[in-house]
């Protein structure tokens, strides 16, 4: 690291006499007027487009909670033990609530 001098200034190297590195100029951008792909990159727009495969989606079965399913015999067996409801009326009330939420 550079050491500070007595007057608090840092002695930096003299870059005024150093030549800058020279680089070749940038190529001109490709334009629609050019023919035969002059100036264009080789993989740009030449030939048929590359087909993109469709995304695969995972389909999950979503249970349908409608009134008829809940009050059916199978619905009573499935929902009943989960919530330990004693009466058929509780399932009917639940099914009515679900139907009203769907609207």
PDB file of N, CA and C in Angstrom:
ATOM      1  N   UNK A   1       0.842  -1.183   0.000  1.00  0.00           N
ATOM      2  CA  UNK A   1       0.000   0.000   0.000  1.00  0.00           C
ATOM      3  C   UNK A   1       0.884   1.243   0.000  1.00  0.00           C
ATOM      4  N   UNK A   2       0.367   2.330  -0.479  1.00  0.00           N
ATOM      5  CA  UNK A   2       1.149   3.556  -0.559  1.00  0.00           C
ATOM      6  C   UNK A   2       1.219   4.225   0.808  1.00  0.00           C
ATOM      7  N   UNK A   3       2.395   4.688   1.124  1.00  0.00           N
ATOM      8  CA  UNK A   3       2.612   5.353   2.409  1.00  0.00           C
ATOM      9  C   UNK A   3       2.305   6.847   2.277  1.00  0.00           C
ATOM     10  N   UNK A   4       1.612   7.424   3.249  1.00  0.00           N
ATOM     11  CA  UNK A   4       1.383   8.875   3.190  1.00  0.00           C
ATOM     12  C   UNK A   4       2.699   9.629   3.414  1.00  0.00           C
ATOM     13  N   UNK A   5       2.845  10.737   2.740  1.00  0.00           N
ATOM     14  CA  UNK A   5       4.043  11.562   2.915  1.00  0.00           C
ATOM     15  C   UNK A   5       3.883  12.427   4.157  1.00  0.00           C
ATOM     16  N   UNK A   6       4.882  13.249   4.412  1.00  0.00           N
ATOM     17  CA  UNK A   6       4.880  14.107   5.599  1.00  0.00           C
ATOM     18  C   UNK A   6       3.735  15.110   5.580  1.00  0.00           C
ATOM     19  N   UNK A   7       3.360  15.621   4.409  1.00  0.00           N
ATOM     20  CA  UNK A   7       2.319  16.642   4.333  1.00  0.00           C
ATOM     21  C   UNK A   7       0.915  16.037   4.222  1.00  0.00           C
ATOM     22  N   UNK A   8       0.775  14.718   4.387  1.00  0.00           N
ATOM     23  CA  UNK A   8      -0.532  14.081   4.349  1.00  0.00           C
ATOM     24  C   UNK A   8      -0.976  13.653   2.962  1.00  0.00           C
ATOM     25  N   UNK A   9      -0.183  13.943   1.951  1.00  0.00           N
ATOM     26  CA  UNK A   9      -0.520  13.569   0.587  1.00  0.00           C
ATOM     27  C   UNK A   9       0.069  12.199   0.282  1.00  0.00           C
ATOM     28  N   UNK A  10      -0.572  11.494  -0.631  1.00  0.00           N
ATOM     29  CA  UNK A  10      -0.074  10.189  -1.046  1.00  0.00           C
ATOM     30  C   UNK A  10       0.661  10.371  -2.362  1.00  0.00           C
ATOM     31  N   UNK A  11       1.836   9.772  -2.468  1.00  0.00           N
ATOM     32  CA  UNK A  11       2.626   9.880  -3.691  1.00  0.00           C
ATOM     33  C   UNK A  11       2.124   8.845  -4.689  1.00  0.00           C
ATOM     34  N   UNK A  12       1.374   9.293  -5.698  1.00  0.00           N
ATOM     35  CA  UNK A  12       0.848   8.406  -6.726  1.00  0.00           C
ATOM     36  C   UNK A  12       1.829   8.322  -7.883  1.00  0.00           C
ATOM     37  N   UNK A  13       1.886   7.169  -8.542  1.00  0.00           N
ATOM     38  CA  UNK A  13       2.762   7.065  -9.715  1.00  0.00           C
ATOM     39  C   UNK A  13       2.283   7.999 -10.824  1.00  0.00           C
ATOM     40  N   UNK A  14       3.199   8.390 -11.675  1.00  0.00           N
ATOM     41  CA  UNK A  14       2.895   9.308 -12.767  1.00  0.00           C
ATOM     42  C   UNK A  14       2.401   8.503 -13.971  1.00  0.00           C
ATOM     43  N   UNK A  15       1.095   8.598 -14.251  1.00  0.00           N
ATOM     44  CA  UNK A  15       0.499   7.847 -15.355  1.00  0.00           C
ATOM     45  C   UNK A  15       0.394   8.675 -16.634  1.00  0.00           C
ATOM     46  N   UNK A  16       0.827   9.913 -16.607  1.00  0.00           N
ATOM     47  CA  UNK A  16       0.684  10.770 -17.780  1.00  0.00           C
ATOM     48  C   UNK A  16       1.570  10.335 -18.938  1.00  0.00           C
ATOM     49  N   UNK A  17       2.674   9.688 -18.655  1.00  0.00           N
ATOM     50  CA  UNK A  17       3.618   9.327 -19.709  1.00  0.00           C
ATOM     51  C   UNK A  17       3.474   7.872 -20.142  1.00  0.00           C
ATOM     52  N   UNK A  18       2.452   7.199 -19.670  1.00  0.00           N
ATOM     53  CA  UNK A  18       2.228   5.797 -20.035  1.00  0.00           C
ATOM     54  C   UNK A  18       1.207   5.757 -21.164  1.00  0.00           C
ATOM     55  N   UNK A  19       1.505   4.978 -22.192  1.00  0.00           N
ATOM     56  CA  UNK A  19       0.605   4.854 -23.343  1.00  0.00           C
ATOM     57  C   UNK A  19      -0.575   3.950 -22.979  1.00  0.00           C
ATOM     58  N   UNK A  20      -1.756   4.331 -23.439  1.00  0.00           N
ATOM     59  CA  UNK A  20      -2.935   3.487 -23.245  1.00  0.00           C
ATOM     60  C   UNK A  20      -2.881   2.310 -24.204  1.00  0.00           C
ATOM     61  N   UNK A  21      -3.489   1.236 -23.792  1.00  0.00           N
ATOM     62  CA  UNK A  21      -3.561   0.050 -24.641  1.00  0.00           C
ATOM     63  C   UNK A  21      -4.551   0.321 -25.772  1.00  0.00           C
ATOM     64  N   UNK A  22      -4.192  -0.067 -26.975  1.00  0.00           N
ATOM     65  CA  UNK A  22      -5.073   0.172 -28.120  1.00  0.00           C
ATOM     66  C   UNK A  22      -5.847  -1.096 -28.452  1.00  0.00           C
ATOM     67  N   UNK A  23      -7.111  -0.918 -28.740  1.00  0.00           N
ATOM     68  CA  UNK A  23      -7.997  -2.023 -29.089  1.00  0.00           C
ATOM     69  C   UNK A  23      -8.576  -1.768 -30.476  1.00  0.00           C
ATOM     70  N   UNK A  24      -8.899  -2.832 -31.220  1.00  0.00           N
ATOM     71  CA  UNK A  24      -9.530  -2.615 -32.524  1.00  0.00           C
ATOM     72  C   UNK A  24     -10.941  -2.051 -32.331  1.00  0.00           C
ATOM     73  N   UNK A  25     -11.449  -1.306 -33.308  1.00  0.00           N
ATOM     74  CA  UNK A  25     -12.794  -0.733 -33.158  1.00  0.00           C
ATOM     75  C   UNK A  25     -13.862  -1.830 -33.178  1.00  0.00           C
ATOM     76  N   UNK A  26     -15.001  -1.509 -32.594  1.00  0.00           N
ATOM     77  CA  UNK A  26     -16.125  -2.445 -32.581  1.00  0.00           C
ATOM     78  C   UNK A  26     -16.656  -2.636 -33.999  1.00  0.00           C
ATOM     79  N   UNK A  27     -17.119  -3.839 -34.329  1.00  0.00           N
ATOM     80  CA  UNK A  27     -17.709  -4.034 -35.662  1.00  0.00           C
ATOM     81  C   UNK A  27     -19.066  -3.337 -35.730  1.00  0.00           C
ATOM     82  N   UNK A  28     -19.488  -2.925 -36.924  1.00  0.00           N
ATOM     83  CA  UNK A  28     -20.790  -2.261 -37.037  1.00  0.00           C
ATOM     84  C   UNK A  28     -21.913  -3.246 -36.723  1.00  0.00           C
ATOM     85  N   UNK A  29     -23.030  -2.755 -36.208  1.00  0.00           N
ATOM     86  CA  UNK A  29     -24.144  -3.656 -35.887  1.00  0.00           C
ATOM     87  C   UNK A  29     -24.770  -4.230 -37.156  1.00  0.00           C
ATOM     88  N   UNK A  30     -25.338  -5.415 -37.022  1.00  0.00           N
ATOM     89  CA  UNK A  30     -26.009  -6.048 -38.162  1.00  0.00           C
ATOM     90  C   UNK A  30     -27.284  -5.279 -38.463  1.00  0.00           C
ATOM     91  N   UNK A  31     -27.535  -5.027 -39.735  1.00  0.00           N
ATOM     92  CA  UNK A  31     -28.739  -4.293 -40.111  1.00  0.00           C
ATOM     93  C   UNK A  31     -29.564  -5.133 -41.072  1.00  0.00           C
ATOM     94  N   UNK A  32     -30.872  -4.841 -41.203  1.00  0.00           N
ATOM     95  CA  UNK A  32     -31.722  -5.618 -42.100  1.00  0.00           C
ATOM     96  C   UNK A  32     -31.355  -5.460 -43.573  1.00  0.00           C
ATOM     97  N   UNK A  33     -30.644  -4.389 -43.952  1.00  0.00           N
ATOM     98  CA  UNK A  33     -30.294  -4.179 -45.350  1.00  0.00           C
ATOM     99  C   UNK A  33     -29.200  -5.120 -45.823  1.00  0.00           C
ATOM    100  N   UNK A  34     -28.437  -5.677 -44.921  1.00  0.00           N
ATOM    101  CA  UNK A  34     -27.315  -6.530 -45.327  1.00  0.00           C
ATOM    102  C   UNK A  34     -27.823  -7.840 -45.908  1.00  0.00           C
ATOM    103  N   UNK A  35     -27.126  -8.319 -46.917  1.00  0.00           N
ATOM    104  CA  UNK A  35     -27.476  -9.574 -47.589  1.00  0.00           C
ATOM    105  C   UNK A  35     -26.482 -10.650 -47.178  1.00  0.00           C
ATOM    106  N   UNK A  36     -26.882 -11.895 -47.297  1.00  0.00           N
ATOM    107  CA  UNK A  36     -26.012 -13.049 -47.084  1.00  0.00           C
ATOM    108  C   UNK A  36     -25.396 -13.089 -45.691  1.00  0.00           C
ATOM    109  N   UNK A  37     -26.020 -12.491 -44.728  1.00  0.00           N
ATOM    110  CA  UNK A  37     -25.539 -12.576 -43.357  1.00  0.00           C
ATOM    111  C   UNK A  37     -24.264 -11.816 -43.088  1.00  0.00           C
ATOM    112  N   UNK A  38     -23.969 -10.769 -43.851  1.00  0.00           N
ATOM    113  CA  UNK A  38     -22.763  -9.984 -43.609  1.00  0.00           C
ATOM    114  C   UNK A  38     -22.878  -9.292 -42.260  1.00  0.00           C
ATOM    115  N   UNK A  39     -21.880  -9.443 -41.448  1.00  0.00           N
ATOM    116  CA  UNK A  39     -21.858  -8.750 -40.174  1.00  0.00           C
ATOM    117  C   UNK A  39     -22.758  -9.354 -39.120  1.00  0.00           C
ATOM    118  N   UNK A  40     -23.582 -10.289 -39.491  1.00  0.00           N
ATOM    119  CA  UNK A  40     -24.464 -10.915 -38.510  1.00  0.00           C
ATOM    120  C   UNK A  40     -23.758 -12.115 -37.899  1.00  0.00           C
ATOM    121  N   UNK A  41     -24.179 -12.475 -36.723  1.00  0.00           N
ATOM    122  CA  UNK A  41     -23.602 -13.644 -36.078  1.00  0.00           C
ATOM    123  C   UNK A  41     -24.127 -14.894 -36.771  1.00  0.00           C
ATOM    124  N   UNK A  42     -23.350 -15.978 -36.801  1.00  0.00           N
ATOM    125  CA  UNK A  42     -23.748 -17.156 -37.566  1.00  0.00           C
ATOM    126  C   UNK A  42     -24.993 -17.863 -37.054  1.00  0.00           C
ATOM    127  N   UNK A  43     -25.315 -17.768 -35.778  1.00  0.00           N
ATOM    128  CA  UNK A  43     -26.470 -18.497 -35.262  1.00  0.00           C
ATOM    129  C   UNK A  43     -27.741 -17.657 -35.229  1.00  0.00           C
ATOM    130  N   UNK A  44     -27.723 -16.472 -35.793  1.00  0.00           N
ATOM    131  CA  UNK A  44     -28.884 -15.589 -35.751  1.00  0.00           C
ATOM    132  C   UNK A  44     -29.823 -15.832 -36.914  1.00  0.00           C
ATOM    133  N   UNK A  45     -31.058 -16.211 -36.664  1.00  0.00           N
ATOM    134  CA  UNK A  45     -32.136 -16.235 -37.623  1.00  0.00           C
ATOM    135  C   UNK A  45     -31.930 -17.001 -38.904  1.00  0.00           C
ATOM    136  N   UNK A  46     -30.879 -17.734 -39.078  1.00  0.00           N
ATOM    137  CA  UNK A  46     -30.716 -18.476 -40.323  1.00  0.00           C
ATOM    138  C   UNK A  46     -31.273 -19.877 -40.140  1.00  0.00           C
ATOM    139  N   UNK A  47     -32.080 -20.331 -41.085  1.00  0.00           N
ATOM    140  CA  UNK A  47     -32.656 -21.665 -41.001  1.00  0.00           C
ATOM    141  C   UNK A  47     -33.973 -21.662 -40.247  1.00  0.00           C
ATOM    142  N   UNK A  48     -34.436 -22.862 -39.940  1.00  0.00           N
ATOM    143  CA  UNK A  48     -35.714 -23.015 -39.250  1.00  0.00           C
ATOM    144  C   UNK A  48     -35.542 -22.715 -37.761  1.00  0.00           C
ATOM    145  N   UNK A  49     -36.588 -22.215 -37.128  1.00  0.00           N
ATOM    146  CA  UNK A  49     -36.486 -21.956 -35.689  1.00  0.00           C
ATOM    147  C   UNK A  49     -36.357 -23.263 -34.911  1.00  0.00           C
ATOM    148  N   UNK A  50     -35.667 -23.193 -33.807  1.00  0.00           N
ATOM    149  CA  UNK A  50     -35.465 -24.373 -32.973  1.00  0.00           C
ATOM    150  C   UNK A  50     -36.743 -24.618 -32.173  1.00  0.00           C
ATOM    151  N   UNK A  51     -37.329 -25.821 -32.282  1.00  0.00           N
ATOM    152  CA  UNK A  51     -38.565 -26.081 -31.529  1.00  0.00           C
ATOM    153  C   UNK A  51     -38.280 -26.158 -30.030  1.00  0.00           C
ATOM    154  N   UNK A  52     -39.158 -25.548 -29.265  1.00  0.00           N
ATOM    155  CA  UNK A  52     -39.025 -25.559 -27.813  1.00  0.00           C
ATOM    156  C   UNK A  52     -40.027 -26.565 -27.268  1.00  0.00           C
ATOM    157  N   UNK A  53     -39.560 -27.552 -26.514  1.00  0.00           N
ATOM    158  CA  UNK A  53     -40.504 -28.537 -25.976  1.00  0.00           C
ATOM    159  C   UNK A  53     -41.411 -27.888 -24.927  1.00  0.00           C
ATOM    160  N   UNK A  54     -42.671 -28.306 -24.866  1.00  0.00           N
ATOM    161  CA  UNK A  54     -43.579 -27.714 -23.880  1.00  0.00           C
ATOM    162  C   UNK A  54     -43.161 -28.106 -22.469  1.00  0.00           C
ATOM    163  N   UNK A  55     -43.475 -27.241 -21.527  1.00  0.00           N
ATOM    164  CA  UNK A  55     -43.157 -27.532 -20.132  1.00  0.00           C
ATOM    165  C   UNK A  55     -44.053 -28.638 -19.618  1.00  0.00           C
ATOM    166  N   UNK A  56     -43.466 -29.478 -18.833  1.00  0.00           N
ATOM    167  CA  UNK A  56     -44.251 -30.554 -18.237  1.00  0.00           C
ATOM    168  C   UNK A  56     -44.857 -30.053 -16.938  1.00  0.00           C
ATOM    169  N   UNK A  57     -46.136 -30.288 -16.801  1.00  0.00           N
ATOM    170  CA  UNK A  57     -46.813 -29.879 -15.582  1.00  0.00           C
ATOM    171  C   UNK A  57     -47.242 -31.109 -14.809  1.00  0.00           C
ATOM    172  N   UNK A  58     -47.210 -30.975 -13.505  1.00  0.00           N
ATOM    173  CA  UNK A  58     -47.633 -32.066 -12.640  1.00  0.00           C
ATOM    174  C   UNK A  58     -49.095 -31.829 -12.302  1.00  0.00           C
ATOM    175  N   UNK A  59     -49.925 -32.788 -12.645  1.00  0.00           N
ATOM    176  CA  UNK A  59     -51.346 -32.661 -12.352  1.00  0.00           C
ATOM    177  C   UNK A  59     -51.641 -33.400 -11.059  1.00  0.00           C
ATOM    178  N   UNK A  60     -52.194 -32.690 -10.125  1.00  0.00           N
ATOM    179  CA  UNK A  60     -52.552 -33.274  -8.840  1.00  0.00           C
ATOM    180  C   UNK A  60     -54.069 -33.350  -8.750  1.00  0.00           C
ATOM    181  N   UNK A  61     -54.536 -34.430  -8.225  1.00  0.00           N
ATOM    182  CA  UNK A  61     -55.978 -34.568  -8.046  1.00  0.00           C
ATOM    183  C   UNK A  61     -56.417 -33.698  -6.878  1.00  0.00           C
ATOM    184  N   UNK A  62     -57.334 -32.803  -7.145  1.00  0.00           N
ATOM    185  CA  UNK A  62     -57.878 -31.934  -6.110  1.00  0.00           C
ATOM    186  C   UNK A  62     -59.232 -32.502  -5.710  1.00  0.00           C
ATOM    187  N   UNK A  63     -59.414 -32.800  -4.427  1.00  0.00           N
ATOM    188  CA  UNK A  63     -60.700 -33.361  -4.012  1.00  0.00           C
ATOM    189  C   UNK A  63     -61.819 -32.345  -4.215  1.00  0.00           C
ATOM    190  N   UNK A  64     -62.941 -32.838  -4.683  1.00  0.00           N
ATOM    191  CA  UNK A  64     -64.095 -31.974  -4.911  1.00  0.00           C
ATOM    192  C   UNK A  64     -64.968 -32.011  -3.659  1.00  0.00           C
ATOM    193  N   UNK A  65     -65.155 -30.859  -3.059  1.00  0.00           N
ATOM    194  CA  UNK A  65     -65.960 -30.770  -1.843  1.00  0.00           C
ATOM    195  C   UNK A  65     -67.305 -30.137  -2.178  1.00  0.00           C
ATOM    196  N   UNK A  66     -68.151 -30.895  -2.816  1.00  0.00           N
ATOM    197  CA  UNK A  66     -69.485 -30.380  -3.071  1.00  0.00           C
ATOM    198  C   UNK A  66     -70.469 -31.047  -2.108  1.00  0.00           C
ATOM    199  N   UNK A  67     -71.662 -30.512  -2.055  1.00  0.00           N
ATOM    200  CA  UNK A  67     -72.652 -30.967  -1.081  1.00  0.00           C
ATOM    201  C   UNK A  67     -73.004 -32.431  -1.285  1.00  0.00           C
ATOM    202  N   UNK A  68     -73.186 -32.857  -2.511  1.00  0.00           N
ATOM    203  CA  UNK A  68     -73.609 -34.229  -2.780  1.00  0.00           C
ATOM    204  C   UNK A  68     -72.555 -35.233  -2.331  1.00  0.00           C
ATOM    205  N   UNK A  69     -71.308 -34.930  -2.546  1.00  0.00           N
ATOM    206  CA  UNK A  69     -70.243 -35.848  -2.131  1.00  0.00           C
ATOM    207  C   UNK A  69     -70.151 -35.933  -0.614  1.00  0.00           C
ATOM    208  N   UNK A  70     -70.330 -34.806   0.065  1.00  0.00           N
ATOM    209  CA  UNK A  70     -70.199 -34.832   1.521  1.00  0.00           C
ATOM    210  C   UNK A  70     -71.341 -35.573   2.202  1.00  0.00           C
ATOM    211  N   UNK A  71     -72.544 -35.459   1.676  1.00  0.00           N
ATOM    212  CA  UNK A  71     -73.667 -36.112   2.359  1.00  0.00           C
ATOM    213  C   UNK A  71     -73.913 -37.522   1.850  1.00  0.00           C
ATOM    214  N   UNK A  72     -73.146 -37.961   0.843  1.00  0.00           N
ATOM    215  CA  UNK A  72     -73.313 -39.333   0.365  1.00  0.00           C
ATOM    216  C   UNK A  72     -72.768 -40.312   1.404  1.00  0.00           C
ATOM    217  N   UNK A  73     -73.060 -41.592   1.199  1.00  0.00           N
ATOM    218  CA  UNK A  73     -72.617 -42.619   2.146  1.00  0.00           C
ATOM    219  C   UNK A  73     -71.095 -42.651   2.241  1.00  0.00           C
ATOM    220  N   UNK A  74     -70.433 -42.542   1.106  1.00  0.00           N
ATOM    221  CA  UNK A  74     -68.972 -42.556   1.097  1.00  0.00           C
ATOM    222  C   UNK A  74     -68.413 -41.297   1.760  1.00  0.00           C
ATOM    223  N   UNK A  75     -69.054 -40.170   1.549  1.00  0.00           N
ATOM    224  CA  UNK A  75     -68.615 -38.922   2.173  1.00  0.00           C
ATOM    225  C   UNK A  75     -68.736 -38.965   3.678  1.00  0.00           C
ATOM    226  N   UNK A  76     -69.793 -39.576   4.175  1.00  0.00           N
ATOM    227  CA  UNK A  76     -69.963 -39.698   5.619  1.00  0.00           C
ATOM    228  C   UNK A  76     -68.840 -40.523   6.229  1.00  0.00           C
ATOM    229  N   UNK A  77     -68.433 -41.574   5.557  1.00  0.00           N
ATOM    230  CA  UNK A  77     -67.379 -42.438   6.094  1.00  0.00           C
ATOM    231  C   UNK A  77     -66.025 -41.734   6.064  1.00  0.00           C
ATOM    232  N   UNK A  78     -65.826 -40.908   5.076  1.00  0.00           N
ATOM    233  CA  UNK A  78     -64.533 -40.243   4.943  1.00  0.00           C
ATOM    234  C   UNK A  78     -64.410 -39.050   5.880  1.00  0.00           C
ATOM    235  N   UNK A  79     -65.402 -38.194   5.888  1.00  0.00           N
ATOM    236  CA  UNK A  79     -65.324 -36.966   6.670  1.00  0.00           C
ATOM    237  C   UNK A  79     -65.681 -37.210   8.126  1.00  0.00           C
ATOM    238  N   UNK A  80     -66.584 -38.104   8.373  1.00  0.00           N
ATOM    239  CA  UNK A  80     -67.053 -38.345   9.740  1.00  0.00           C
ATOM    240  C   UNK A  80     -65.956 -38.652  10.737  1.00  0.00           C
ATOM    241  N   UNK A  81     -65.116 -39.658  10.507  1.00  0.00           N
ATOM    242  CA  UNK A  81     -64.073 -39.980  11.480  1.00  0.00           C
ATOM    243  C   UNK A  81     -63.028 -38.878  11.636  1.00  0.00           C
ATOM    244  N   UNK A  82     -62.801 -38.102  10.588  1.00  0.00           N
ATOM    245  CA  UNK A  82     -61.802 -37.044  10.698  1.00  0.00           C
ATOM    246  C   UNK A  82     -62.211 -35.983  11.711  1.00  0.00           C
ATOM    247  N   UNK A  83     -63.478 -35.651  11.730  1.00  0.00           N
ATOM    248  CA  UNK A  83     -63.952 -34.589  12.609  1.00  0.00           C
ATOM    249  C   UNK A  83     -64.829 -35.112  13.736  1.00  0.00           C
ATOM    250  N   UNK A  84     -65.027 -36.392  13.786  1.00  0.00           N
ATOM    251  CA  UNK A  84     -65.874 -37.064  14.787  1.00  0.00           C
ATOM    252  C   UNK A  84     -67.222 -36.364  14.967  1.00  0.00           C
ATOM    253  N   UNK A  85     -67.904 -36.140  13.859  1.00  0.00           N
ATOM    254  CA  UNK A  85     -69.227 -35.559  13.923  1.00  0.00           C
ATOM    255  C   UNK A  85     -70.235 -36.664  14.165  1.00  0.00           C
ATOM    256  N   UNK A  86     -71.123 -36.381  15.044  1.00  0.00           N
ATOM    257  CA  UNK A  86     -72.091 -37.382  15.458  1.00  0.00           C
ATOM    258  C   UNK A  86     -73.297 -37.436  14.520  1.00  0.00           C
ATOM    259  N   UNK A  87     -73.683 -36.307  14.021  1.00  0.00           N
ATOM    260  CA  UNK A  87     -74.965 -36.292  13.310  1.00  0.00           C
ATOM    261  C   UNK A  87     -74.800 -36.034  11.818  1.00  0.00           C
ATOM    262  N   UNK A  88     -75.800 -36.441  11.103  1.00  0.00           N
ATOM    263  CA  UNK A  88     -75.883 -36.208   9.667  1.00  0.00           C
ATOM    264  C   UNK A  88     -76.107 -34.726   9.395  1.00  0.00           C
ATOM    265  N   UNK A  89     -76.729 -34.025  10.320  1.00  0.00           N
ATOM    266  CA  UNK A  89     -77.034 -32.606  10.123  1.00  0.00           C
ATOM    267  C   UNK A  89     -75.761 -31.759  10.061  1.00  0.00           C
ATOM    268  N   UNK A  90     -74.743 -32.146  10.801  1.00  0.00           N
ATOM    269  CA  UNK A  90     -73.494 -31.381  10.773  1.00  0.00           C
ATOM    270  C   UNK A  90     -72.869 -31.441   9.381  1.00  0.00           C
ATOM    271  N   UNK A  91     -72.929 -32.605   8.741  1.00  0.00           N
ATOM    272  CA  UNK A  91     -72.398 -32.730   7.386  1.00  0.00           C
ATOM    273  C   UNK A  91     -73.227 -31.931   6.389  1.00  0.00           C
ATOM    274  N   UNK A  92     -74.524 -31.918   6.572  1.00  0.00           N
ATOM    275  CA  UNK A  92     -75.378 -31.135   5.675  1.00  0.00           C
ATOM    276  C   UNK A  92     -75.084 -29.639   5.812  1.00  0.00           C
ATOM    277  N   UNK A  93     -74.877 -29.191   7.048  1.00  0.00           N
ATOM    278  CA  UNK A  93     -74.564 -27.773   7.261  1.00  0.00           C
ATOM    279  C   UNK A  93     -73.221 -27.433   6.604  1.00  0.00           C
ATOM    280  N   UNK A  94     -72.243 -28.317   6.779  1.00  0.00           N
ATOM    281  CA  UNK A  94     -70.939 -28.092   6.163  1.00  0.00           C
ATOM    282  C   UNK A  94     -71.052 -28.043   4.645  1.00  0.00           C
ATOM    283  N   UNK A  95     -71.833 -28.922   4.075  1.00  0.00           N
ATOM    284  CA  UNK A  95     -71.985 -28.937   2.621  1.00  0.00           C
ATOM    285  C   UNK A  95     -72.674 -27.670   2.130  1.00  0.00           C
ATOM    286  N   UNK A  96     -73.627 -27.147   2.885  1.00  0.00           N
ATOM    287  CA  UNK A  96     -74.288 -25.900   2.499  1.00  0.00           C
ATOM    288  C   UNK A  96     -73.320 -24.720   2.562  1.00  0.00           C
ATOM    289  N   UNK A  97     -72.447 -24.734   3.554  1.00  0.00           N
ATOM    290  CA  UNK A  97     -71.456 -23.659   3.666  1.00  0.00           C
ATOM    291  C   UNK A  97     -70.505 -23.695   2.474  1.00  0.00           C
ATOM    292  N   UNK A  98     -70.073 -24.888   2.101  1.00  0.00           N
ATOM    293  CA  UNK A  98     -69.154 -25.016   0.970  1.00  0.00           C
ATOM    294  C   UNK A  98     -69.825 -24.578  -0.322  1.00  0.00           C
ATOM    295  N   UNK A  99     -71.074 -24.960  -0.505  1.00  0.00           N
ATOM    296  CA  UNK A  99     -71.802 -24.561  -1.709  1.00  0.00           C
ATOM    297  C   UNK A  99     -71.956 -23.048  -1.750  1.00  0.00           C
ATOM    298  N   UNK A 100     -72.234 -22.423  -0.617  1.00  0.00           N
ATOM    299  CA  UNK A 100     -72.408 -20.971  -0.605  1.00  0.00           C
ATOM    300  C   UNK A 100     -71.082 -20.252  -0.862  1.00  0.00           C
ATOM    301  N   UNK A 101     -69.958 -20.854  -0.465  1.00  0.00           N
ATOM    302  CA  UNK A 101     -68.657 -20.236  -0.729  1.00  0.00           C
ATOM    303  C   UNK A 101     -68.280 -20.327  -2.204  1.00  0.00           C
ATOM    304  N   UNK A 102     -68.746 -21.366  -2.880  1.00  0.00           N
ATOM    305  CA  UNK A 102     -68.440 -21.535  -4.297  1.00  0.00           C
ATOM    306  C   UNK A 102     -69.117 -20.484  -5.162  1.00  0.00           C
ATOM    307  N   UNK A 103     -70.185 -19.918  -4.706  1.00  0.00           N
ATOM    308  CA  UNK A 103     -70.942 -18.951  -5.522  1.00  0.00           C
ATOM    309  C   UNK A 103     -70.378 -17.603  -5.444  1.00  0.00           C
TER     310      UNK A 103
END
